[in-house]
Amino acid sequence: MRAPRRLTWARAGALWAGLSATWFAGCPTGTGPAEPEPVAEPEPSAEPEPAPDDFHDPLSTPEEPTVLLSNFTPAETCGNCHVEQHAQWRHSTHAYAMVDPVFRALVHERQVAFAGAQDQFCTQCHSTIGTRGGEVVDNFSFDNLGPVALDGVTCEACHKVTEVVRPYNAGHQLEQYSPMRGPLADPYPSEFHASVETDLLGTAPFCGSCHDVIEVSGLTLERPYAEFKESPRGLDGGRCLDCHMPTYDGPAAKDQPARTGLRDHSFIGVDTPLGDNFFATPDDKAAHRARVEALLTDVCSLSLQTADTVSQGTVIDLFATVKNEIDAHNLPTGTTFIRQMWLEVIATDDTGQVLFETGTLDANGDLRDFWSELDKYGDNDLVSYSSRLIDLLGTPVLFPWDATEHQSTSLSPLYERTSTLFIPTAEAAPGLVTISVRVLFRSHPPYLLRALALDEYLDELVVHELASAETEVLVTAAP
């Protein structure tokens, strides 16, 4: 296997800024708002010096423990008082971070690729406390981790953060002796812990400190915070939690009076945990899926344009315009090299004969592109809004540590892109041709689960319809 390029943490900061600025240089053109000027953000403090081996970072991937695990509390204990908040978190993807079978399988692949030498790369965000507390070491086993490490993004992983040092790769300062920090100006006295008011947890850089990710090679992998900084919502002073932690009214802790404007700790996103072990009941799983569907409602719009009439044997020019209606980040965002968003187009004539199709799936449920085992490159018209990782030869690769380039076609906030598709009519019966178009999305592709030997979860993958439209074109008999 090709050895990856090494990058010191000091150089990573400069590369992150440059890569973010040039991210969309190779994307297809489209129309939409002009790129805004970057919003002013609080300046992070100076980065710690990199460790000699260029991988370990004293902040987020330390060679020796920088905190004591005994100074942290399992989330279940926090739930004794913060009943509602714990119930919300318990079914969140933050709680799922270290038990996710896809994550665990990817960690295993990285362990094999680097003989365990980079085992902290993924866990630096997925289990900040376990990583800094010395439980995640070279060639670690999930079976040997304690409850706090396995809690993933647990209560104190956020509420004991005192500073954002850099807005990526777990770039925050975790203070083990800190009081619990949060946005309440008048927290009620507690015999269990002291509390301090802070605005930090509500800021976009705080979220970005884990949700933006740069590979060891310097390749940008995830950049929702970088996208947010440049977005209309970011420029207007919005926050990530406006959508992902909506407010509700209720007690902040057991036996306390109700408050207004508490934040929901479900941290709803586009992923639904796989399997039956994570959720307490099937109803909990169904409720989570319903919240995902609600979040995906109206995230994009679709419009079609064609001629009204064409002559048999000519081509119907279909102009399909998809607009990202989200004002805060790209669509899709996050792990776009895993997520799939694409255009499905099916044209049929009056007899029901299919004249043209793209974006349909093979018998394995995969798109008919490079990763299809049954119809590789069988869909030359495929329109994708995701991204792909490629190596030095330009060949798509599955794992980010094998990639030298990350190509994205995701849609910027409030940006629209028009794709032109050519529908043949030589075989069409005279009459109306119906063209049905859908924008589809799923969080994982089947080929990834099969590559990771996770076939048992294939039936759980959900394809979400984000938008749909239909148009008709009259095909007249050829002269």
Protein backbone atom coordinates (compact mmCIF):
# COMPACT_ATOMS: atom_id res chain seq x y z
CA MET A 1 0.00 0.00 0.00
CA ARG A 2 1.25 3.45 -0.85
CA ALA A 3 2.65 5.28 2.16
CA PRO A 4 0.69 8.47 2.84
CA ARG A 5 2.30 11.88 2.89
CA ARG A 6 2.96 13.09 6.41
CA LEU A 7 1.86 16.47 7.62
CA THR A 8 2.80 18.27 10.81
CA TRP A 9 -0.06 19.77 12.80
CA ALA A 10 1.51 23.19 12.44
CA ARG A 11 1.34 22.95 8.63
CA ALA A 12 -2.20 21.53 8.76
CA GLY A 13 -3.67 24.86 9.82
CA ALA A 14 -2.28 26.67 6.79
CA LEU A 15 -3.32 23.89 4.45
CA TRP A 16 -6.84 23.85 5.90
CA ALA A 17 -7.34 27.49 5.02
CA GLY A 18 -5.96 27.08 1.50
CA LEU A 19 -7.88 23.92 0.75
CA SER A 20 -11.11 25.46 2.00
CA ALA A 21 -10.67 28.45 -0.29
CA THR A 22 -10.06 26.33 -3.39
CA TRP A 23 -12.55 23.54 -2.62
CA PHE A 24 -14.99 24.31 -5.40
CA ALA A 25 -12.54 25.29 -8.11
CA GLY A 26 -13.30 22.15 -10.10
CA CYS A 27 -17.08 22.04 -9.58
CA PRO A 28 -19.56 22.43 -12.45
CA THR A 29 -20.80 25.94 -13.04
CA GLY A 30 -24.24 27.11 -11.98
CA THR A 31 -26.17 30.11 -10.83
CA GLY A 32 -26.81 31.44 -7.36
CA PRO A 33 -25.64 34.06 -4.92
CA ALA A 34 -22.13 35.39 -5.29
CA GLU A 35 -19.63 33.90 -2.87
CA PRO A 36 -19.78 36.08 0.28
CA GLU A 37 -16.83 37.48 2.11
CA PRO A 38 -15.72 35.28 5.04
CA VAL A 39 -17.33 36.16 8.37
CA ALA A 40 -15.11 37.34 11.19
CA GLU A 41 -14.70 34.57 13.78
CA PRO A 42 -13.03 34.62 17.19
CA GLU A 43 -9.34 34.03 16.63
CA PRO A 44 -8.20 30.61 17.92
CA SER A 45 -5.21 30.66 20.20
CA ALA A 46 -1.81 29.40 19.09
CA GLU A 47 -1.53 25.69 18.27
CA PRO A 48 0.56 23.42 20.45
CA GLU A 49 3.85 22.26 19.01
CA PRO A 50 3.57 19.04 16.97
CA ALA A 51 5.05 15.86 18.33
CA PRO A 52 8.25 14.57 16.69
CA ASP A 53 6.53 11.78 14.71
CA ASP A 54 4.27 14.27 12.88
CA PHE A 55 1.12 12.34 13.82
CA HIS A 56 0.66 12.72 17.54
CA ASP A 57 -0.63 16.09 18.65
CA PRO A 58 -0.43 17.08 22.32
CA LEU A 59 -3.93 18.57 22.08
CA SER A 60 -6.06 15.86 20.47
CA THR A 61 -3.90 12.76 19.78
CA PRO A 62 -1.44 12.70 22.68
CA GLU A 63 1.17 9.97 23.04
CA GLU A 64 0.65 10.02 26.80
CA PRO A 65 -2.64 10.69 28.63
CA THR A 66 -3.38 14.35 29.23
CA VAL A 67 -6.48 13.76 31.40
CA LEU A 68 -7.50 11.16 33.97
CA LEU A 69 -10.54 9.10 33.05
CA SER A 70 -11.50 9.00 36.72
CA ASN A 71 -12.22 12.75 36.51
CA PHE A 72 -15.08 12.17 34.07
CA THR A 73 -18.58 10.88 34.62
CA PRO A 74 -20.51 8.39 32.46
CA ALA A 75 -23.52 9.89 30.70
CA GLU A 76 -25.86 7.49 32.50
CA THR A 77 -24.89 9.09 35.81
CA CYS A 78 -25.62 12.55 34.39
CA GLY A 79 -29.02 11.19 33.39
CA ASN A 80 -30.01 10.67 37.01
CA CYS A 81 -30.60 14.42 37.25
CA HIS A 82 -30.77 15.56 33.63
CA VAL A 83 -33.41 13.03 32.70
CA GLU A 84 -34.82 14.62 29.54
CA GLN A 85 -31.46 15.71 28.18
CA HIS A 86 -29.99 12.25 28.68
CA ALA A 87 -33.00 10.61 26.99
CA GLN A 88 -32.50 12.90 23.98
CA TRP A 89 -28.74 12.28 23.84
CA ARG A 90 -29.14 8.52 24.36
CA HIS A 91 -30.67 8.13 20.88
CA SER A 92 -28.43 10.67 19.15
CA THR A 93 -25.59 10.00 16.76
CA HIS A 94 -23.29 11.59 19.35
CA ALA A 95 -24.10 8.65 21.62
CA TYR A 96 -23.71 6.35 18.61
CA ALA A 97 -20.23 7.65 17.79
CA MET A 98 -18.26 4.73 19.28
CA VAL A 99 -20.73 1.90 18.78
CA ASP A 100 -21.54 2.58 15.11
CA PRO A 101 -20.61 -0.64 13.24
CA VAL A 102 -19.56 1.31 10.13
CA PHE A 103 -17.24 3.50 12.21
CA ARG A 104 -15.77 0.49 13.98
CA ALA A 105 -15.16 -1.29 10.68
CA LEU A 106 -13.45 1.77 9.21
CA VAL A 107 -11.27 2.07 12.32
CA HIS A 108 -10.31 -1.59 11.84
CA GLU A 109 -9.34 -0.92 8.22
CA ARG A 110 -7.18 1.99 9.33
CA GLN A 111 -5.59 -0.18 12.02
CA VAL A 112 -4.63 -2.72 9.37
CA ALA A 113 -3.33 -0.04 7.00
CA PHE A 114 -1.08 1.63 9.59
CA ALA A 115 -0.42 -1.23 12.04
CA GLY A 116 -2.29 0.71 14.71
CA ALA A 117 -0.02 3.78 14.52
CA GLN A 118 -2.91 6.11 13.64
CA ASP A 119 -5.62 4.62 15.84
CA GLN A 120 -6.32 7.98 17.45
CA PHE A 121 -7.12 9.77 14.21
CA CYS A 122 -10.83 8.94 14.15
CA THR A 123 -11.30 8.59 17.90
CA GLN A 124 -9.91 12.07 18.61
CA CYS A 125 -13.42 13.34 17.81
CA HIS A 126 -15.54 10.24 18.33
CA SER A 127 -14.19 9.75 21.86
CA THR A 128 -12.25 12.79 22.97
CA ILE A 129 -12.11 11.68 26.59
CA GLY A 130 -11.07 8.11 25.77
CA THR A 131 -8.37 9.34 23.41
CA ARG A 132 -6.92 11.95 25.73
CA GLY A 133 -7.39 9.67 28.74
CA GLY A 134 -5.08 7.00 27.35
CA GLU A 135 -7.58 4.23 26.60
CA VAL A 136 -7.20 4.57 22.83
CA VAL A 137 -3.65 3.39 22.18
CA ASP A 138 -2.00 1.70 19.20
CA ASN A 139 -3.96 -1.44 18.24
CA PHE A 140 -6.63 -0.80 20.86
CA SER A 141 -9.76 -2.93 20.99
CA PHE A 142 -13.26 -1.53 21.40
CA ASP A 143 -13.93 -4.48 23.72
CA ASN A 144 -11.40 -3.12 26.22
CA LEU A 145 -12.75 0.44 26.45
CA GLY A 146 -14.51 1.68 29.56
CA PRO A 147 -17.97 3.26 29.76
CA VAL A 148 -16.83 6.89 29.44
CA ALA A 149 -14.79 6.17 26.30
CA LEU A 150 -17.64 4.16 24.80
CA ASP A 151 -20.09 6.97 25.52
CA GLY A 152 -18.55 8.69 22.51
CA VAL A 153 -19.47 12.37 22.33
CA THR A 154 -20.72 12.37 25.88
CA CYS A 155 -21.91 15.11 28.23
CA GLU A 156 -18.54 16.22 29.58
CA ALA A 157 -16.88 15.91 26.16
CA CYS A 158 -18.73 19.15 25.37
CA HIS A 159 -19.56 20.69 28.73
CA LYS A 160 -15.95 20.71 29.94
CA VAL A 161 -14.51 22.40 26.85
CA THR A 162 -12.91 25.71 27.76
CA GLU A 163 -11.47 26.94 24.46
CA VAL A 164 -11.36 26.30 20.71
CA VAL A 165 -7.74 26.19 19.59
CA ARG A 166 -8.34 25.24 15.95
CA PRO A 167 -11.63 24.65 14.09
CA TYR A 168 -10.95 21.05 12.98
CA ASN A 169 -9.68 17.65 14.19
CA ALA A 170 -10.85 17.90 17.82
CA GLY A 171 -9.15 21.26 18.13
CA HIS A 172 -10.60 22.21 21.51
CA GLN A 173 -9.21 22.36 25.01
CA LEU A 174 -10.81 19.84 27.38
CA GLU A 175 -10.36 20.75 31.04
CA GLN A 176 -10.90 17.79 33.36
CA TYR A 177 -11.24 19.95 36.49
CA SER A 178 -13.57 22.48 34.91
CA PRO A 179 -17.05 23.14 36.25
CA MET A 180 -19.80 22.11 33.86
CA ARG A 181 -20.14 24.82 31.23
CA GLY A 182 -23.28 25.82 29.39
CA PRO A 183 -25.49 28.69 28.27
CA LEU A 184 -27.66 29.08 31.39
CA ALA A 185 -27.06 32.43 33.03
CA ASP A 186 -28.50 31.27 36.37
CA PRO A 187 -27.93 27.55 36.79
CA TYR A 188 -29.48 26.15 39.95
CA PRO A 189 -26.99 25.13 42.65
CA SER A 190 -26.06 21.45 42.51
CA GLU A 191 -24.35 19.25 45.05
CA PHE A 192 -22.92 17.18 42.20
CA HIS A 193 -21.05 19.79 40.16
CA ALA A 194 -20.35 23.49 39.83
CA SER A 195 -21.71 25.31 36.78
CA VAL A 196 -20.38 28.23 34.76
CA GLU A 197 -22.16 30.22 32.08
CA THR A 198 -20.44 30.34 28.70
CA ASP A 199 -21.45 31.12 25.14
CA LEU A 200 -18.76 28.90 23.69
CA LEU A 201 -20.92 25.79 23.29
CA GLY A 202 -23.36 27.69 21.11
CA THR A 203 -20.80 28.93 18.60
CA ALA A 204 -20.06 27.51 15.17
CA PRO A 205 -16.27 27.21 15.80
CA PHE A 206 -17.08 24.93 18.75
CA CYS A 207 -19.00 22.57 16.45
CA GLY A 208 -16.35 22.94 13.75
CA SER A 209 -13.62 21.82 16.11
CA CYS A 210 -14.80 18.25 15.51
CA HIS A 211 -17.04 18.39 12.44
CA ASP A 212 -14.32 19.70 10.12
CA VAL A 213 -11.76 17.00 9.45
CA ILE A 214 -8.36 17.05 7.73
CA GLU A 215 -6.62 13.79 6.87
CA VAL A 216 -3.04 13.22 8.08
CA SER A 217 -1.92 13.81 4.48
CA GLY A 218 -3.41 17.33 4.58
CA LEU A 219 -6.45 16.41 2.47
CA THR A 220 -9.65 18.10 3.57
CA LEU A 221 -12.30 15.43 4.23
CA GLU A 222 -15.17 17.25 5.95
CA ARG A 223 -15.83 21.00 6.06
CA PRO A 224 -19.34 21.93 7.28
CA TYR A 225 -17.91 24.68 9.50
CA ALA A 226 -15.83 26.12 6.64
CA GLU A 227 -19.00 26.10 4.54
CA PHE A 228 -20.97 27.73 7.35
CA LYS A 229 -18.48 30.58 7.71
CA GLU A 230 -19.04 31.50 4.04
CA SER A 231 -22.81 30.96 4.11
CA PRO A 232 -25.64 33.52 4.36
CA ARG A 233 -26.60 32.16 7.78
CA GLY A 234 -23.04 32.32 9.03
CA LEU A 235 -22.62 35.87 7.75
CA ASP A 236 -25.87 36.88 9.45
CA GLY A 237 -24.72 35.60 12.83
CA GLY A 238 -26.62 32.31 12.76
CA ARG A 239 -25.51 29.19 14.58
CA CYS A 240 -25.37 25.46 13.86
CA LEU A 241 -27.71 24.74 16.75
CA ASP A 242 -30.46 26.84 15.13
CA CYS A 243 -31.34 23.68 13.14
CA HIS A 244 -29.55 20.84 14.90
CA MET A 245 -30.49 21.74 18.51
CA PRO A 246 -33.96 23.33 18.35
CA THR A 247 -35.38 24.86 21.51
CA TYR A 248 -38.06 23.46 23.80
CA ASP A 249 -39.48 24.28 27.21
CA GLY A 250 -38.95 22.09 30.24
CA PRO A 251 -36.79 21.53 33.32
CA ALA A 252 -33.02 21.62 32.94
CA ALA A 253 -32.74 19.02 35.70
CA LYS A 254 -34.98 16.82 37.82
CA ASP A 255 -37.13 18.60 40.40
CA GLN A 256 -36.41 22.00 38.86
CA PRO A 257 -39.02 24.38 37.42
CA ALA A 258 -39.49 24.54 33.67
CA ARG A 259 -37.40 26.94 31.63
CA THR A 260 -37.89 28.32 28.15
CA GLY A 261 -35.40 27.94 25.34
CA LEU A 262 -33.63 24.75 26.39
CA ARG A 263 -31.73 23.02 23.58
CA ASP A 264 -32.69 19.57 22.31
CA HIS A 265 -29.76 17.17 22.75
CA SER A 266 -30.91 14.77 20.01
CA PHE A 267 -28.43 16.52 17.66
CA ILE A 268 -30.54 15.46 14.73
CA GLY A 269 -28.73 14.97 11.42
CA VAL A 270 -29.17 12.80 8.35
CA ASP A 271 -27.91 9.50 9.80
CA THR A 272 -30.04 6.81 11.41
CA PRO A 273 -28.15 4.31 13.58
CA LEU A 274 -28.07 0.81 12.11
CA GLY A 275 -29.17 -2.37 13.86
CA ASP A 276 -31.59 -3.00 16.69
CA ASN A 277 -29.25 -2.75 19.67
CA PHE A 278 -28.81 1.02 19.83
CA PHE A 279 -32.45 2.00 20.30
CA ALA A 280 -34.36 0.94 23.39
CA THR A 281 -37.49 0.10 21.38
CA PRO A 282 -38.58 -0.10 17.72
CA ASP A 283 -40.71 2.99 18.38
CA ASP A 284 -37.56 4.93 19.33
CA LYS A 285 -35.96 3.96 16.05
CA ALA A 286 -39.08 4.93 14.09
CA ALA A 287 -39.19 8.27 15.90
CA HIS A 288 -35.55 8.95 14.98
CA ARG A 289 -36.23 8.15 11.32
CA ALA A 290 -39.19 10.53 11.39
CA ARG A 291 -36.97 13.32 12.72
CA VAL A 292 -34.45 12.66 9.94
CA GLU A 293 -37.24 12.86 7.35
CA ALA A 294 -38.45 16.11 8.86
CA LEU A 295 -34.95 17.58 8.74
CA LEU A 296 -34.64 16.65 5.07
CA THR A 297 -37.96 18.26 4.15
CA ASP A 298 -37.56 21.18 1.74
CA VAL A 299 -33.73 21.08 1.78
CA CYS A 300 -33.70 21.44 -1.99
CA SER A 301 -35.97 22.38 -4.89
CA LEU A 302 -36.20 20.99 -8.41
CA SER A 303 -37.44 22.61 -11.62
CA LEU A 304 -37.60 21.23 -15.18
CA GLN A 305 -37.58 22.85 -18.58
CA THR A 306 -38.12 21.23 -22.00
CA ALA A 307 -39.62 22.01 -25.36
CA ASP A 308 -43.37 21.43 -25.59
CA THR A 309 -43.16 19.40 -28.81
CA VAL A 310 -40.44 17.52 -30.67
CA SER A 311 -40.46 15.41 -33.80
CA GLN A 312 -39.94 11.66 -33.49
CA GLY A 313 -36.27 10.80 -33.91
CA THR A 314 -34.97 14.06 -32.45
CA VAL A 315 -33.66 14.57 -28.94
CA ILE A 316 -35.53 16.11 -26.02
CA ASP A 317 -33.26 18.55 -24.19
CA LEU A 318 -34.12 18.32 -20.50
CA PHE A 319 -32.85 21.10 -18.25
CA ALA A 320 -33.07 20.02 -14.60
CA THR A 321 -32.24 22.68 -12.03
CA VAL A 322 -31.58 21.68 -8.42
CA LYS A 323 -31.21 24.35 -5.75
CA ASN A 324 -29.82 23.94 -2.26
CA GLU A 325 -32.42 25.67 -0.08
CA ILE A 326 -30.22 25.41 3.02
CA ASP A 327 -28.64 28.76 3.88
CA ALA A 328 -26.02 27.38 6.26
CA HIS A 329 -23.96 24.71 4.52
CA ASN A 330 -23.55 22.64 1.38
CA LEU A 331 -25.97 19.95 0.30
CA PRO A 332 -24.87 17.35 1.12
CA THR A 333 -22.28 18.14 3.76
CA GLY A 334 -20.04 16.25 6.18
CA THR A 335 -18.77 12.91 4.89
CA THR A 336 -19.86 13.64 1.33
CA PHE A 337 -17.54 10.92 0.01
CA ILE A 338 -19.80 8.43 1.81
CA ARG A 339 -23.15 10.17 1.47
CA GLN A 340 -24.90 9.91 -1.89
CA MET A 341 -27.16 12.51 -3.48
CA TRP A 342 -28.11 12.17 -7.11
CA LEU A 343 -30.64 12.83 -9.87
CA GLU A 344 -32.96 10.07 -11.04
CA VAL A 345 -34.54 10.63 -14.46
CA ILE A 346 -36.92 8.18 -16.17
CA ALA A 347 -38.59 8.97 -19.50
CA THR A 348 -41.40 6.77 -20.86
CA ASP A 349 -43.58 7.03 -23.93
CA ASP A 350 -47.36 6.55 -24.21
CA THR A 351 -46.96 2.76 -24.32
CA GLY A 352 -44.92 2.65 -21.10
CA GLN A 353 -41.67 1.96 -22.92
CA VAL A 354 -38.63 3.36 -21.10
CA LEU A 355 -36.77 5.64 -23.49
CA PHE A 356 -34.13 6.91 -21.08
CA GLU A 357 -33.06 6.41 -17.48
CA THR A 358 -30.27 7.62 -15.26
CA GLY A 359 -29.79 7.48 -11.51
CA THR A 360 -31.48 4.11 -11.25
CA LEU A 361 -29.92 1.33 -9.17
CA ASP A 362 -28.43 -2.02 -10.09
CA ALA A 363 -29.61 -5.29 -8.55
CA ASN A 364 -27.28 -4.72 -5.57
CA GLY A 365 -28.89 -1.36 -4.87
CA ASP A 366 -25.84 0.58 -6.06
CA LEU A 367 -25.69 3.39 -8.55
CA ARG A 368 -24.35 2.19 -11.90
CA ASP A 369 -20.98 3.95 -11.57
CA PHE A 370 -17.40 2.95 -10.74
CA TRP A 371 -18.48 1.14 -7.55
CA SER A 372 -21.15 -1.02 -9.17
CA GLU A 373 -20.14 -4.68 -9.21
CA LEU A 374 -22.83 -5.46 -11.79
CA ASP A 375 -22.84 -2.50 -14.18
CA LYS A 376 -19.63 -0.50 -13.74
CA TYR A 377 -19.91 2.81 -15.61
CA GLY A 378 -23.25 1.70 -17.03
CA ASP A 379 -24.76 5.11 -16.34
CA ASN A 380 -22.78 7.70 -18.26
CA ASP A 381 -25.45 10.35 -17.67
CA LEU A 382 -25.39 10.10 -13.86
CA VAL A 383 -25.66 13.48 -12.10
CA SER A 384 -24.17 13.34 -8.60
CA TYR A 385 -24.05 16.02 -5.92
CA SER A 386 -21.68 14.20 -3.60
CA SER A 387 -17.91 13.83 -3.71
CA ARG A 388 -15.28 11.23 -4.45
CA LEU A 389 -11.81 10.36 -3.25
CA ILE A 390 -9.20 9.56 -5.89
CA ASP A 391 -5.58 8.47 -5.90
CA LEU A 392 -2.57 9.75 -7.86
CA LEU A 393 -3.77 7.93 -10.99
CA GLY A 394 -7.23 9.46 -10.79
CA THR A 395 -8.82 6.17 -9.73
CA PRO A 396 -11.61 6.36 -7.11
CA VAL A 397 -10.60 4.91 -3.74
CA LEU A 398 -12.72 3.81 -0.81
CA PHE A 399 -10.63 4.97 2.14
CA PRO A 400 -9.50 8.56 2.74
CA TRP A 401 -5.96 7.62 3.73
CA ASP A 402 -5.44 6.23 0.21
CA ALA A 403 -6.61 9.43 -1.48
CA THR A 404 -4.55 12.29 -2.86
CA GLU A 405 -7.52 14.37 -4.08
CA HIS A 406 -11.09 15.01 -2.97
CA GLN A 407 -13.44 16.11 -5.76
CA SER A 408 -16.81 17.57 -4.78
CA THR A 409 -19.96 18.47 -6.67
CA SER A 410 -22.06 19.32 -3.62
CA LEU A 411 -24.22 22.45 -3.81
CA SER A 412 -23.19 25.57 -1.89
CA PRO A 413 -25.79 27.28 0.32
CA LEU A 414 -28.70 28.69 -1.74
CA TYR A 415 -26.81 27.73 -4.91
CA GLU A 416 -28.53 26.17 -7.91
CA ARG A 417 -27.07 24.08 -10.71
CA THR A 418 -28.66 23.18 -14.03
CA SER A 419 -27.87 19.83 -15.65
CA THR A 420 -28.74 19.10 -19.27
CA LEU A 421 -29.81 15.60 -20.25
CA PHE A 422 -30.58 14.39 -23.76
CA ILE A 423 -33.54 12.04 -24.14
CA PRO A 424 -33.73 10.12 -27.44
CA THR A 425 -37.08 9.68 -29.16
CA ALA A 426 -36.16 7.42 -32.07
CA GLU A 427 -37.96 4.49 -30.42
CA ALA A 428 -40.79 6.57 -28.97
CA ALA A 429 -44.38 5.98 -30.02
CA PRO A 430 -46.02 9.19 -31.21
CA GLY A 431 -47.77 10.87 -28.30
CA LEU A 432 -46.80 12.16 -24.89
CA VAL A 433 -43.43 11.33 -23.35
CA THR A 434 -43.53 11.57 -19.56
CA ILE A 435 -40.30 12.59 -17.83
CA SER A 436 -40.16 11.91 -14.09
CA VAL A 437 -37.28 13.38 -12.08
CA ARG A 438 -36.33 12.94 -8.43
CA VAL A 439 -33.50 14.18 -6.23
CA LEU A 440 -32.52 11.25 -4.03
CA PHE A 441 -30.25 10.93 -1.00
CA ARG A 442 -28.91 8.23 1.32
CA SER A 443 -26.37 8.36 4.11
CA HIS A 444 -24.42 5.22 3.09
CA PRO A 445 -23.96 3.34 -0.19
CA PRO A 446 -24.48 -0.44 -0.21
CA TYR A 447 -21.03 -1.06 -1.73
CA LEU A 448 -19.38 0.41 1.37
CA LEU A 449 -21.26 -1.90 3.72
CA ARG A 450 -20.37 -4.90 1.57
CA ALA A 451 -16.70 -3.86 1.48
CA LEU A 452 -16.74 -3.68 5.27
CA ALA A 453 -18.52 -7.06 5.61
CA LEU A 454 -21.62 -5.38 7.05
CA ASP A 455 -24.13 -6.96 4.68
CA GLU A 456 -26.55 -7.52 7.57
CA TYR A 457 -27.39 -3.80 7.52
CA LEU A 458 -28.04 -3.45 3.79
CA ASP A 459 -31.82 -3.66 4.18
CA GLU A 460 -31.76 -0.72 6.60
CA LEU A 461 -30.38 1.78 4.11
CA VAL A 462 -33.07 4.34 3.30
CA VAL A 463 -33.23 6.31 0.06
CA HIS A 464 -34.84 9.68 0.82
CA GLU A 465 -36.69 11.62 -1.86
CA LEU A 466 -35.65 15.25 -1.42
CA ALA A 467 -37.60 16.70 -4.36
CA SER A 468 -39.54 15.52 -7.41
CA ALA A 469 -41.03 16.95 -10.58
CA GLU A 470 -42.64 15.69 -13.78
CA THR A 471 -43.11 17.10 -17.26
CA GLU A 472 -44.58 15.91 -20.57
CA VAL A 473 -43.39 16.45 -24.12
CA LEU A 474 -45.48 15.74 -27.19
CA VAL A 475 -43.64 13.60 -29.73
CA THR A 476 -45.10 13.94 -33.22
CA ALA A 477 -44.72 11.36 -35.95
CA ALA A 478 -41.64 11.76 -38.10
CA PRO A 479 -42.41 13.35 -41.48
